[in-house]
Protein backbone atom coordinates (compact mmCIF):
# COMPACT_ATOMS: atom_id res chain seq x y z
CA MET A 1 -0.03 0.03 -0.05
CA ILE A 2 1.22 3.42 -0.79
CA GLU A 3 1.03 5.95 1.96
CA PRO A 4 1.12 9.80 1.51
CA LEU A 5 4.22 11.46 2.61
CA ARG A 6 2.85 14.91 2.71
CA ARG A 7 -0.43 16.55 1.78
CA VAL A 8 -0.20 19.88 -0.01
CA ALA A 9 -3.50 20.15 -1.77
CA ALA A 10 -5.15 21.50 1.24
CA LEU A 11 -2.82 24.45 1.05
CA VAL A 12 -4.17 25.42 -2.34
CA GLU A 13 -7.00 27.81 -2.11
CA GLY A 14 -10.08 26.79 -4.08
CA GLY A 15 -8.62 23.50 -5.17
CA LEU A 16 -5.67 22.15 -7.09
CA THR A 17 -5.93 22.67 -10.76
CA ALA A 18 -2.26 22.16 -12.00
CA LEU A 19 0.83 20.35 -10.80
CA GLY A 20 4.48 20.47 -11.93
CA ALA A 21 7.91 19.32 -10.74
CA ASN A 22 11.48 20.59 -10.64
CA ALA A 23 14.04 17.73 -10.47
CA LYS A 24 16.81 20.13 -9.90
CA GLU A 25 15.87 21.40 -6.52
CA PRO A 26 13.71 19.01 -6.08
CA CYS A 27 10.32 20.61 -5.41
CA ILE A 28 6.79 20.65 -6.71
CA TYR A 29 4.78 23.51 -8.03
CA THR A 30 0.97 23.82 -7.46
CA GLY A 31 -1.65 25.91 -9.37
CA GLY A 32 -4.88 26.65 -7.93
CA ALA A 33 -8.32 27.93 -8.89
CA ASP A 34 -7.30 31.16 -7.16
CA GLY A 35 -4.66 31.71 -9.83
CA VAL A 36 -1.69 31.57 -7.51
CA LEU A 37 1.58 29.52 -8.28
CA LYS A 38 3.11 28.00 -5.12
CA HIS A 39 6.16 25.82 -4.55
CA PHE A 40 6.82 23.13 -1.97
CA SER A 41 10.05 21.34 -1.09
CA GLN A 42 11.08 19.35 1.92
CA ALA A 43 12.86 22.56 3.27
CA GLU A 44 10.20 25.27 2.59
CA GLN A 45 7.06 26.29 0.86
CA GLY A 46 6.15 29.54 -0.71
CA VAL A 47 4.22 31.68 -3.00
CA PHE A 48 5.67 33.15 -6.12
CA GLU A 49 5.59 36.95 -6.05
CA GLY A 50 4.92 39.33 -8.86
CA GLY A 51 1.39 38.63 -9.89
CA LYS A 52 -1.10 35.73 -10.55
CA HIS A 53 -3.56 34.67 -13.10
CA GLU A 54 -7.06 36.05 -13.13
CA GLY A 55 -8.61 32.60 -12.86
CA ALA A 56 -7.39 29.10 -12.45
CA ILE A 57 -3.83 27.97 -13.36
CA ASN A 58 -4.45 25.19 -16.06
CA SER A 59 -0.89 24.05 -16.77
CA ILE A 60 2.62 24.28 -15.29
CA ALA A 61 5.91 23.39 -17.13
CA THR A 62 9.61 24.11 -16.35
CA SER A 63 12.42 24.99 -18.73
CA ALA A 64 15.02 22.28 -19.64
CA ASP A 65 17.46 23.98 -17.28
CA PHE A 66 14.84 24.35 -14.52
CA GLU A 67 15.50 28.07 -14.23
CA LYS A 68 11.99 29.12 -15.38
CA VAL A 69 8.56 28.04 -14.66
CA PHE A 70 5.74 28.62 -17.14
CA THR A 71 2.03 28.71 -16.21
CA GLY A 72 -0.96 28.86 -18.43
CA GLY A 73 -4.17 30.18 -17.09
CA ALA A 74 -7.84 30.29 -17.71
CA ASP A 75 -7.37 33.93 -18.33
CA GLY A 76 -5.48 33.12 -21.60
CA GLN A 77 -2.24 34.33 -20.24
CA LEU A 78 1.24 32.63 -20.33
CA ILE A 79 3.36 33.86 -17.26
CA VAL A 80 7.11 33.00 -17.11
CA TRP A 81 8.50 32.90 -13.49
CA GLY A 82 12.01 32.62 -12.38
CA ALA A 83 12.36 29.31 -10.50
CA SER A 84 14.07 30.93 -7.62
CA ASP A 85 11.48 33.70 -7.24
């Protein structure tokens, strides 16, 4: 049986709508119905600063070098974030 190591979905306001990963740190990124991008690692958790989507985040991807995070939202916008923001 697989047991959860950590629950993070409860920390996403309005429900989890997208999930991404960064193998370099390692950490995961969550996007919620509130349009906010968050990151979680074993050491810390945080909210990316500098704006948010006006509506749910639908997709999350990282660049090949893991230095940028891309989010696509229900608002039709693509936002590029610095992975260390």
